[in-house]
Amino acid sequence: MSAPVNPQVQTSAAAAPSATSPTPLRVALLGCGVVGSSVARLLLSNREALAARVGRPLELAGVAVRRLGRDRADLPAHLFTTDAEELVTRADVVVEVIGGIEPARSLILRAIEHGASVVTANKALLAEDGPTLYAAADAAGVDLYYEASVAGAIPLLRPIRESLAGDDVRRVLGIVNGTTNYVLDKMDSTGAGFSEAVAQAQALGYAEADPTADVEGFDAAAKAAILASLGFHTRVRAADVHREGITEVSAADVAAAAEMGCVVKLLAICELATDPESGAAGVSVRVHPAMIPRTHPLAGVREAFNAVFVEADAAGQLMFYGPGAGGDPTASAVLGDVVAVARHRVVGGLGPRESAYAELPVFPMGRAVTRYYISLDVADRPGVLAAVATVFADHGVSIQQVRQVVHETDPDREGTRSPGAELIIVTHAAPDAALSATVGALANLDAVRGVTSVMRVEGD
């Protein structure tokens, strides 16, 4: 069945008076923050080159903002309006960089209803209600593009959605949040604590005044949902993603990772999985801090950069790397989408539609197969290691390596207990539920004074 024809597209193409004076395609911009202002500036400054690439001029029809009167000296004042609902009704392409759920969703749906193709960078909206936007775009016969919603300037979504459409993606593993990567990188390279590293990120503009969305993993979880939906042809929402942030990562954790030849990264992990009990197919999607070996390519991703590994059956391992945020880098991805949908307006055709035929279940975190690093504060006496090993055996978890560091003095305990030891254990891969239960049982052992650190290990 052929794609529905958009009457507005047909009319505007027919109305082009001549090859020398083609009718411009009108672009409406919703939002003029860091990204929006870069998009507007590049649309205006690169108008001739963009027209040559599209086949018709791109005219910035207007910029919707919340308030007029702010100093935007680099952009013409007549472009600005507070009436976003009216602006989207007179555009061929609408670019949404407001962010959040509302009013972005209502404005996108209104734009689609009036025949406009939409380019958005809104990861939160796509991860919560992407199917609604897809359905509306399908019904109207327009495009919905969103390359800039994940990993900023890095060409990532289009390769997964289009270039790998004939392949089977098996796993996506990546660093998709620049703020947390900067924080963890500074904790590793300088020995800074979490709060100190966050303050440095805020001073440099890498972190918001309220960094909760970043450091608690909400931003990365939304991006993981989008990556999993595209890669595995199944609908995954942000609420389906197991999420842990980096607020509990201490300088001691980072130092312990360094002793093992590892670094700590906040990872988005999306993978095809098999239920260890039933054998049923599904997907595992999670965001959490993890230790990875310094020999792994992701370990070398420094400061606020992003990088994503994609593993596919035929293509093998692919790595995408670059700036994951910022005005101009993100605007580059936005404008790439604008050119793509504008070309469809000129020559006909539509981009990819939603592909969710697989309908795979999203497994809970307990079924994910991973490895643990566990540090225990234990009494230094005979039988402790045997008792600990028994707990692992009882839960079906095997130990890959173990190391004991004896503390000859125990000043923090004011002589109330005998000198202790630190027992460091790295497990083999096992279901997360079994690993978590093992940690709980270890905490109840008489010989274990405390579980001082637990972190997942990835990347082998």
Protein backbone atom coordinates (compact mmCIF):
# COMPACT_ATOMS: atom_id res chain seq x y z
CA MET A 1 0.00 0.00 0.00
CA SER A 2 1.40 3.40 -0.90
CA ALA A 3 1.90 6.08 1.74
CA PRO A 4 -0.94 8.63 2.11
CA VAL A 5 -0.50 11.79 0.12
CA ASN A 6 -0.31 15.05 1.99
CA PRO A 7 -2.50 17.55 0.08
CA GLN A 8 -0.47 20.50 1.38
CA VAL A 9 2.75 19.03 0.01
CA GLN A 10 1.12 18.36 -3.38
CA THR A 11 -0.26 21.87 -3.59
CA SER A 12 2.94 23.67 -2.60
CA ALA A 13 4.99 21.62 -5.07
CA ALA A 14 2.54 22.40 -7.85
CA ALA A 15 2.58 26.06 -6.92
CA ALA A 16 6.30 26.48 -7.52
CA PRO A 17 6.34 29.16 -10.24
CA SER A 18 9.62 28.23 -11.92
CA ALA A 19 12.99 26.60 -11.48
CA THR A 20 14.60 30.00 -10.99
CA SER A 21 12.21 31.25 -8.30
CA PRO A 22 10.92 28.24 -6.39
CA THR A 23 8.49 28.70 -3.54
CA PRO A 24 10.38 28.57 -0.23
CA LEU A 25 9.63 25.88 2.30
CA ARG A 26 8.54 27.53 5.53
CA VAL A 27 10.29 26.38 8.71
CA ALA A 28 8.75 27.18 12.09
CA LEU A 29 10.99 26.94 15.15
CA LEU A 30 9.52 26.21 18.58
CA GLY A 31 11.97 27.29 21.26
CA CYS A 32 14.99 29.56 21.20
CA GLY A 33 17.25 28.33 23.95
CA VAL A 34 20.80 27.11 23.47
CA VAL A 35 19.85 24.67 20.71
CA GLY A 36 17.03 26.70 19.19
CA SER A 37 19.11 29.84 18.80
CA SER A 38 21.85 27.82 17.07
CA VAL A 39 19.29 26.27 14.71
CA ALA A 40 17.89 29.71 13.82
CA ARG A 41 21.31 31.23 13.28
CA LEU A 42 22.50 28.38 11.07
CA LEU A 43 19.28 28.40 9.04
CA LEU A 44 19.81 32.08 8.28
CA SER A 45 23.56 32.07 7.74
CA ASN A 46 23.60 28.91 5.59
CA ARG A 47 20.46 29.63 3.59
CA GLU A 48 22.13 29.45 0.17
CA ALA A 49 23.90 26.16 0.80
CA LEU A 50 20.79 24.63 2.37
CA ALA A 51 18.67 25.71 -0.61
CA ALA A 52 21.10 24.04 -2.98
CA ARG A 53 21.02 20.81 -0.98
CA VAL A 54 17.24 20.74 -0.62
CA GLY A 55 16.28 22.00 -4.06
CA ARG A 56 14.20 24.89 -2.69
CA PRO A 57 14.92 27.71 -0.26
CA LEU A 58 14.24 27.22 3.44
CA GLU A 59 12.53 30.26 4.93
CA LEU A 60 12.51 30.74 8.70
CA ALA A 61 8.84 31.62 9.09
CA GLY A 62 9.00 32.40 12.79
CA VAL A 63 10.37 31.49 16.20
CA ALA A 64 7.95 30.77 19.04
CA VAL A 65 9.14 31.82 22.49
CA ARG A 66 7.52 32.19 25.89
CA ARG A 67 8.34 35.87 26.28
CA LEU A 68 9.21 38.65 23.89
CA GLY A 69 11.71 41.36 24.75
CA ARG A 70 14.70 39.24 25.67
CA ASP A 71 17.97 40.27 24.08
CA ARG A 72 18.45 38.12 20.98
CA ALA A 73 20.59 40.60 19.07
CA ASP A 74 21.89 38.03 16.59
CA LEU A 75 18.38 37.21 15.32
CA PRO A 76 15.84 39.55 13.63
CA ALA A 77 13.19 40.73 16.10
CA HIS A 78 10.32 40.32 13.62
CA LEU A 79 10.75 36.54 13.64
CA PHE A 80 9.66 36.11 17.25
CA THR A 81 6.14 35.34 18.40
CA THR A 82 4.47 34.01 21.52
CA ASP A 83 1.66 32.43 19.47
CA ALA A 84 3.11 29.00 18.81
CA GLU A 85 -0.28 27.51 17.96
CA GLU A 86 -0.74 29.95 15.08
CA LEU A 87 2.85 29.63 13.88
CA VAL A 88 2.70 25.88 13.32
CA THR A 89 -0.35 26.22 11.06
CA ARG A 90 1.62 28.11 8.41
CA ALA A 91 4.73 25.96 8.21
CA ASP A 92 5.89 23.13 5.97
CA VAL A 93 8.43 21.95 8.55
CA VAL A 94 8.16 22.46 12.31
CA VAL A 95 11.26 22.15 14.49
CA GLU A 96 10.48 21.51 18.17
CA VAL A 97 13.27 22.18 20.65
CA ILE A 98 11.15 23.22 23.64
CA GLY A 99 11.64 19.96 25.51
CA GLY A 100 9.35 18.34 28.07
CA ILE A 101 5.94 16.82 27.48
CA GLU A 102 3.60 19.80 27.24
CA PRO A 103 3.08 22.05 25.37
CA ALA A 104 5.49 20.25 23.02
CA ARG A 105 3.19 17.28 22.39
CA SER A 106 0.12 19.41 21.65
CA LEU A 107 2.08 21.69 19.33
CA ILE A 108 3.62 18.77 17.43
CA LEU A 109 0.21 17.14 16.96
CA ARG A 110 -1.26 20.46 15.82
CA ALA A 111 1.56 20.91 13.32
CA ILE A 112 1.03 17.40 11.95
CA GLU A 113 -2.73 17.99 11.74
CA HIS A 114 -2.02 21.02 9.53
CA GLY A 115 0.24 19.01 7.22
CA ALA A 116 3.69 19.93 8.51
CA SER A 117 6.56 17.48 8.86
CA VAL A 118 8.19 17.59 12.29
CA VAL A 119 11.78 17.54 13.47
CA THR A 120 12.21 17.23 17.23
CA ALA A 121 15.03 16.82 19.74
CA ASN A 122 12.59 15.90 22.51
CA LYS A 123 13.82 12.65 24.05
CA ALA A 124 11.43 12.81 27.01
CA LEU A 125 8.35 13.08 24.80
CA LEU A 126 9.50 10.40 22.37
CA ALA A 127 10.29 8.01 25.22
CA GLU A 128 6.89 8.60 26.84
CA ASP A 129 4.51 8.98 23.91
CA GLY A 130 6.39 8.34 20.69
CA PRO A 131 3.73 5.95 19.28
CA THR A 132 1.10 8.71 19.41
CA LEU A 133 3.33 11.01 17.38
CA TYR A 134 4.15 8.25 14.90
CA ALA A 135 0.47 7.41 14.42
CA ALA A 136 -0.43 11.04 13.81
CA ALA A 137 2.40 11.45 11.28
CA ASP A 138 1.34 8.26 9.48
CA ALA A 139 -2.28 9.40 9.27
CA ALA A 140 -1.26 12.80 7.89
CA GLY A 141 1.37 11.45 5.50
CA VAL A 142 4.19 13.57 6.94
CA ASP A 143 7.62 12.90 8.38
CA LEU A 144 8.70 12.65 12.02
CA TYR A 145 12.49 12.85 12.49
CA TYR A 146 14.42 13.04 15.78
CA GLU A 147 18.14 12.41 15.28
CA ALA A 148 19.08 15.10 17.83
CA SER A 149 17.11 13.42 20.64
CA VAL A 150 20.00 11.04 21.43
CA ALA A 151 23.73 11.82 21.49
CA GLY A 152 23.63 15.35 20.09
CA ALA A 153 25.70 15.72 16.94
CA ILE A 154 26.55 12.02 16.63
CA PRO A 155 24.84 10.38 13.64
CA LEU A 156 23.38 7.45 15.57
CA LEU A 157 19.63 7.03 15.19
CA ARG A 158 19.58 7.18 11.40
CA PRO A 159 22.21 4.44 11.06
CA ILE A 160 20.15 2.23 13.40
CA ARG A 161 16.82 3.15 11.81
CA GLU A 162 17.96 3.06 8.18
CA SER A 163 21.50 1.76 7.56
CA LEU A 164 21.01 -1.30 9.79
CA ALA A 165 17.41 -1.92 8.73
CA GLY A 166 18.51 -5.07 6.90
CA ASP A 167 20.54 -6.37 9.84
CA ASP A 168 19.65 -7.61 13.32
CA VAL A 169 20.87 -5.39 16.15
CA ARG A 170 21.74 -7.45 19.21
CA ARG A 171 23.12 -4.97 21.70
CA VAL A 172 23.58 -1.25 22.24
CA LEU A 173 26.02 -0.14 24.94
CA GLY A 174 26.86 3.48 25.40
CA ILE A 175 27.60 6.69 27.24
CA VAL A 176 24.70 8.96 26.31
CA ASN A 177 24.84 11.67 28.98
CA GLY A 178 27.68 14.17 28.86
CA THR A 179 27.10 15.61 32.33
CA THR A 180 27.55 12.33 34.16
CA ASN A 181 30.49 11.33 32.00
CA TYR A 182 32.22 14.61 32.86
CA VAL A 183 31.56 14.09 36.58
CA LEU A 184 32.82 10.50 36.61
CA ASP A 185 35.82 11.42 34.45
CA LYS A 186 36.86 14.13 36.91
CA MET A 187 36.39 11.79 39.85
CA ASP A 188 38.70 9.32 38.11
CA SER A 189 41.35 11.73 36.81
CA THR A 190 41.58 14.13 39.76
CA GLY A 191 40.27 12.16 42.74
CA ALA A 192 37.45 14.66 43.25
CA GLY A 193 34.36 13.68 45.18
CA PHE A 194 30.92 13.59 43.58
CA SER A 195 29.76 17.02 44.81
CA GLU A 196 33.02 18.69 43.83
CA ALA A 197 32.90 17.20 40.33
CA VAL A 198 29.27 18.28 39.86
CA ALA A 199 30.20 21.82 40.88
CA GLN A 200 32.97 21.83 38.26
CA ALA A 201 30.50 20.64 35.62
CA GLN A 202 28.06 23.39 36.57
CA ALA A 203 30.78 26.06 36.42
CA LEU A 204 31.63 24.99 32.86
CA GLY A 205 28.00 24.81 31.73
CA TYR A 206 27.97 21.01 31.43
CA ALA A 207 25.40 20.63 34.20
CA GLU A 208 22.18 22.45 35.01
CA ALA A 209 21.69 24.32 38.28
CA ASP A 210 19.45 21.38 39.19
CA PRO A 211 21.31 18.37 37.73
CA THR A 212 18.76 15.79 38.88
CA ALA A 213 17.66 14.67 35.40
CA ASP A 214 21.27 13.91 34.53
CA VAL A 215 22.81 12.52 37.72
CA GLU A 216 19.76 10.39 38.60
CA GLY A 217 19.76 8.82 35.14
CA PHE A 218 16.42 10.14 33.83
CA ASP A 219 18.00 11.68 30.73
CA ALA A 220 19.92 8.52 29.86
CA ALA A 221 16.87 6.33 30.50
CA ALA A 222 14.79 8.26 27.95
CA LYS A 223 17.57 7.89 25.40
CA ALA A 224 17.91 4.17 26.16
CA ALA A 225 14.18 3.72 25.52
CA ILE A 226 14.53 5.35 22.09
CA LEU A 227 17.60 3.27 21.20
CA ALA A 228 15.92 0.03 22.26
CA SER A 229 12.72 0.84 20.37
CA LEU A 230 14.64 1.48 17.15
CA GLY A 231 17.16 -1.32 17.51
CA PHE A 232 14.76 -4.09 18.50
CA HIS A 233 11.59 -3.04 16.62
CA THR A 234 9.52 -3.02 19.78
CA ARG A 235 7.98 -0.30 21.90
CA VAL A 236 10.01 0.65 24.95
CA ARG A 237 9.03 3.56 27.19
CA ALA A 238 11.24 5.39 29.67
CA ALA A 239 9.21 3.83 32.48
CA ASP A 240 10.30 0.38 31.23
CA VAL A 241 13.97 1.20 31.71
CA HIS A 242 15.72 0.15 34.91
CA ARG A 243 17.37 3.35 36.11
CA GLU A 244 20.12 4.07 38.62
CA GLY A 245 22.04 7.33 38.76
CA ILE A 246 25.53 8.19 39.94
CA THR A 247 24.72 10.01 43.18
CA GLU A 248 25.82 7.01 45.25
CA VAL A 249 29.15 6.61 43.44
CA SER A 250 31.90 7.61 45.86
CA ALA A 251 35.52 8.55 45.39
CA ALA A 252 36.33 5.23 47.07
CA ASP A 253 34.31 3.36 44.41
CA VAL A 254 36.20 5.13 41.63
CA ALA A 255 39.53 4.41 43.34
CA ALA A 256 38.60 0.75 43.75
CA ALA A 257 37.79 0.55 40.05
CA ALA A 258 41.18 2.07 39.25
CA GLU A 259 42.92 -0.59 41.36
CA MET A 260 41.21 -3.21 39.21
CA GLY A 261 42.25 -1.51 35.98
CA CYS A 262 38.74 -0.18 35.40
CA VAL A 263 36.85 3.10 35.19
CA VAL A 264 33.30 3.87 36.27
CA LYS A 265 30.85 5.02 33.59
CA LEU A 266 27.10 5.59 33.54
CA LEU A 267 26.02 3.17 30.83
CA ALA A 268 22.85 2.78 28.81
CA ILE A 269 22.56 -0.91 27.97
CA CYS A 270 19.97 -2.29 25.57
CA GLU A 271 20.15 -5.94 24.57
CA LEU A 272 18.14 -8.80 23.23
CA ALA A 273 17.76 -11.30 26.03
CA THR A 274 16.38 -14.70 26.89
CA ASP A 275 14.48 -15.39 30.08
CA PRO A 276 16.81 -17.65 32.10
CA GLU A 277 13.82 -19.66 33.39
CA SER A 278 11.33 -19.88 30.50
CA GLY A 279 13.65 -19.37 27.54
CA ALA A 280 11.30 -16.71 26.14
CA ALA A 281 12.78 -13.89 24.05
CA GLY A 282 12.65 -10.31 25.25
CA VAL A 283 14.72 -7.19 25.71
CA SER A 284 16.70 -5.86 28.65
CA VAL A 285 17.04 -2.08 28.91
CA ARG A 286 18.91 -0.51 31.79
CA VAL A 287 20.86 2.54 32.88
CA HIS A 288 23.29 2.29 35.77
CA PRO A 289 26.91 2.98 36.73
CA ALA A 290 29.30 0.16 35.95
CA MET A 291 32.98 -0.63 36.00
CA ILE A 292 34.51 -1.24 32.58
CA PRO A 293 38.13 -2.22 31.80
CA ARG A 294 40.44 0.62 30.80
CA THR A 295 41.15 -1.37 27.64
CA HIS A 296 37.53 -1.01 26.50
CA PRO A 297 37.00 1.76 23.90
CA LEU A 298 34.29 3.38 26.04
CA ALA A 299 36.79 3.80 28.89
CA GLY A 300 38.63 6.42 26.86
CA VAL A 301 35.57 8.64 26.39
CA ARG A 302 36.51 11.72 28.38
CA GLU A 303 34.75 14.77 29.79
CA ALA A 304 31.34 15.55 28.25
CA PHE A 305 31.65 13.41 25.13
CA ASN A 306 29.29 10.58 24.21
CA ALA A 307 30.00 7.23 22.58
CA VAL A 308 27.78 4.29 21.68
CA PHE A 309 28.63 0.72 20.69
CA VAL A 310 26.15 -1.06 18.43
CA GLU A 311 26.50 -4.80 17.87
CA ALA A 312 24.65 -6.35 14.90
CA ASP A 313 24.72 -9.83 13.40
CA ALA A 314 26.18 -8.96 10.01
CA ALA A 315 27.81 -5.59 10.65
CA GLY A 316 29.56 -6.68 13.83
CA GLN A 317 30.65 -3.99 16.29
CA LEU A 318 30.18 -0.33 15.36
CA MET A 319 31.19 2.65 17.49
CA PHE A 320 29.77 6.16 17.26
CA TYR A 321 31.62 8.95 19.07
CA GLY A 322 31.38 12.72 19.38
CA PRO A 323 29.92 15.68 21.28
CA GLY A 324 26.63 14.67 22.82
CA ALA A 325 25.28 18.11 23.67
CA GLY A 326 25.74 21.82 23.07
CA GLY A 327 24.07 24.36 20.83
CA ASP A 328 25.90 23.98 17.53
CA PRO A 329 26.54 20.21 17.75
CA THR A 330 22.87 19.48 18.46
CA ALA A 331 21.76 22.01 15.85
CA SER A 332 23.84 20.10 13.32
CA ALA A 333 21.72 17.00 13.92
CA VAL A 334 18.51 19.04 13.82
CA LEU A 335 19.41 20.63 10.50
CA GLY A 336 20.35 17.26 9.04
CA ASP A 337 16.78 16.16 9.76
CA VAL A 338 15.36 19.41 8.38
CA VAL A 339 17.19 18.84 5.09
CA ALA A 340 15.97 15.23 4.95
CA VAL A 341 12.28 16.06 5.43
CA ALA A 342 12.53 19.12 3.18
CA ARG A 343 13.90 16.95 0.37
CA HIS A 344 10.87 14.70 0.74
CA ARG A 345 8.69 17.78 0.32
CA VAL A 346 10.47 18.66 -2.89
CA VAL A 347 10.82 15.29 -4.61
CA GLY A 348 8.14 13.26 -2.81
CA GLY A 349 8.36 10.27 -0.53
CA LEU A 350 8.51 9.82 3.21
CA GLY A 351 11.09 8.70 5.72
CA PRO A 352 10.89 5.54 7.87
CA ARG A 353 7.73 4.90 9.83
CA GLU A 354 7.53 3.32 13.28
CA SER A 355 8.80 -0.27 13.27
CA ALA A 356 7.38 -2.09 16.29
CA TYR A 357 6.40 -5.42 14.78
CA ALA A 358 8.50 -7.54 17.17
CA GLU A 359 6.37 -6.75 20.25
CA LEU A 360 8.98 -8.17 22.60
CA PRO A 361 8.47 -7.90 26.37
CA VAL A 362 10.84 -5.75 28.40
CA PHE A 363 12.32 -7.93 31.12
CA PRO A 364 12.65 -6.63 34.69
CA MET A 365 16.15 -5.92 35.95
CA GLY A 366 16.25 -9.16 37.91
CA ARG A 367 16.42 -11.16 34.68
CA ALA A 368 19.31 -9.16 33.22
CA VAL A 369 22.56 -11.12 33.16
CA THR A 370 25.49 -9.14 34.51
CA ARG A 371 28.49 -9.31 36.85
CA TYR A 372 29.06 -7.74 40.26
CA TYR A 373 31.99 -6.17 42.04
CA ILE A 374 31.43 -6.57 45.79
CA SER A 375 33.55 -5.18 48.63
CA LEU A 376 32.97 -6.60 52.11
CA ASP A 377 34.26 -5.45 55.49
CA VAL A 378 34.85 -8.75 57.27
CA ALA A 379 36.37 -10.04 60.49
CA ASP A 380 39.90 -11.35 60.01
CA ARG A 381 39.46 -14.86 61.36
CA PRO A 382 39.44 -18.43 60.05
CA GLY A 383 36.35 -19.64 58.19
CA VAL A 384 35.21 -16.26 56.87
CA LEU A 385 36.11 -16.95 53.25
CA ALA A 386 34.44 -20.37 53.40
CA ALA A 387 31.24 -18.85 54.80
CA VAL A 388 31.21 -16.20 52.09
CA ALA A 389 31.81 -18.80 49.36
CA THR A 390 28.91 -20.87 50.69
CA VAL A 391 26.54 -17.92 50.26
CA PHE A 392 27.57 -17.55 46.64
CA ALA A 393 27.11 -21.28 46.02
CA ASP A 394 23.68 -21.27 47.67
CA HIS A 395 22.52 -18.61 45.18
CA GLY A 396 24.06 -20.20 42.11
CA VAL A 397 26.62 -17.43 41.62
CA SER A 398 30.22 -18.32 40.82
CA ILE A 399 33.21 -16.21 41.81
CA GLN A 400 35.62 -15.08 39.11
CA GLN A 401 38.21 -13.51 41.38
CA VAL A 402 38.69 -12.72 45.04
CA ARG A 403 41.22 -10.60 46.87
CA GLN A 404 41.69 -9.96 50.58
CA VAL A 405 43.33 -6.90 52.11
CA VAL A 406 44.06 -7.25 55.84
CA HIS A 407 43.79 -4.14 58.03
CA GLU A 408 46.24 -4.52 60.91
CA THR A 409 44.56 -1.77 62.89
CA ASP A 410 40.96 -0.78 63.10
CA PRO A 411 40.96 2.79 64.52
CA ASP A 412 37.40 3.61 63.53
CA ARG A 413 36.05 0.92 65.79
CA GLU A 414 37.78 2.25 68.92
CA GLY A 415 39.04 -1.19 69.88
CA THR A 416 35.57 -2.69 70.17
CA ARG A 417 36.34 -5.35 67.55
CA SER A 418 39.35 -7.27 66.34
CA PRO A 419 41.22 -6.02 63.27
CA GLY A 420 39.33 -6.70 60.06
CA ALA A 421 39.90 -7.22 56.39
CA GLU A 422 38.46 -6.07 53.11
CA LEU A 423 37.24 -8.88 50.88
CA ILE A 424 36.95 -7.88 47.21
CA ILE A 425 34.99 -10.22 44.96
CA VAL A 426 34.17 -10.11 41.25
CA THR A 427 31.55 -12.58 40.07
CA HIS A 428 30.97 -14.42 36.85
CA ALA A 429 27.86 -13.45 34.88
CA ALA A 430 24.58 -14.34 36.56
CA PRO A 431 20.98 -13.08 36.69
CA ASP A 432 20.84 -9.78 38.54
CA ALA A 433 18.19 -11.16 40.90
CA ALA A 434 20.57 -13.89 42.05
CA LEU A 435 23.41 -11.42 42.46
CA SER A 436 21.23 -9.02 44.46
CA ALA A 437 20.00 -11.84 46.69
CA THR A 438 23.60 -12.90 47.26
CA VAL A 439 24.51 -9.41 48.45
CA GLY A 440 21.54 -9.43 50.83
CA ALA A 441 22.57 -12.76 52.29
CA LEU A 442 26.18 -11.64 52.68
CA ALA A 443 25.03 -8.63 54.68
CA ASN A 444 23.39 -10.99 57.18
CA LEU A 445 26.50 -13.10 57.79
CA ASP A 446 27.95 -12.73 61.30
CA ALA A 447 31.45 -12.49 59.86
CA VAL A 448 30.50 -9.63 57.53
CA ARG A 449 30.63 -6.26 59.26
CA GLY A 450 29.24 -4.48 56.24
CA VAL A 451 28.83 -4.48 52.47
CA THR A 452 30.92 -1.42 51.65
CA SER A 453 30.48 -1.30 47.89
CA VAL A 454 28.51 -3.01 45.13
CA MET A 455 28.78 -2.16 41.45
CA ARG A 456 28.05 -3.96 38.21
CA VAL A 457 30.88 -4.86 35.85
CA GLU A 458 30.44 -4.62 32.07
CA GLY A 459 32.53 -4.61 28.96
CA ASP A 460 34.32 -7.96 28.90
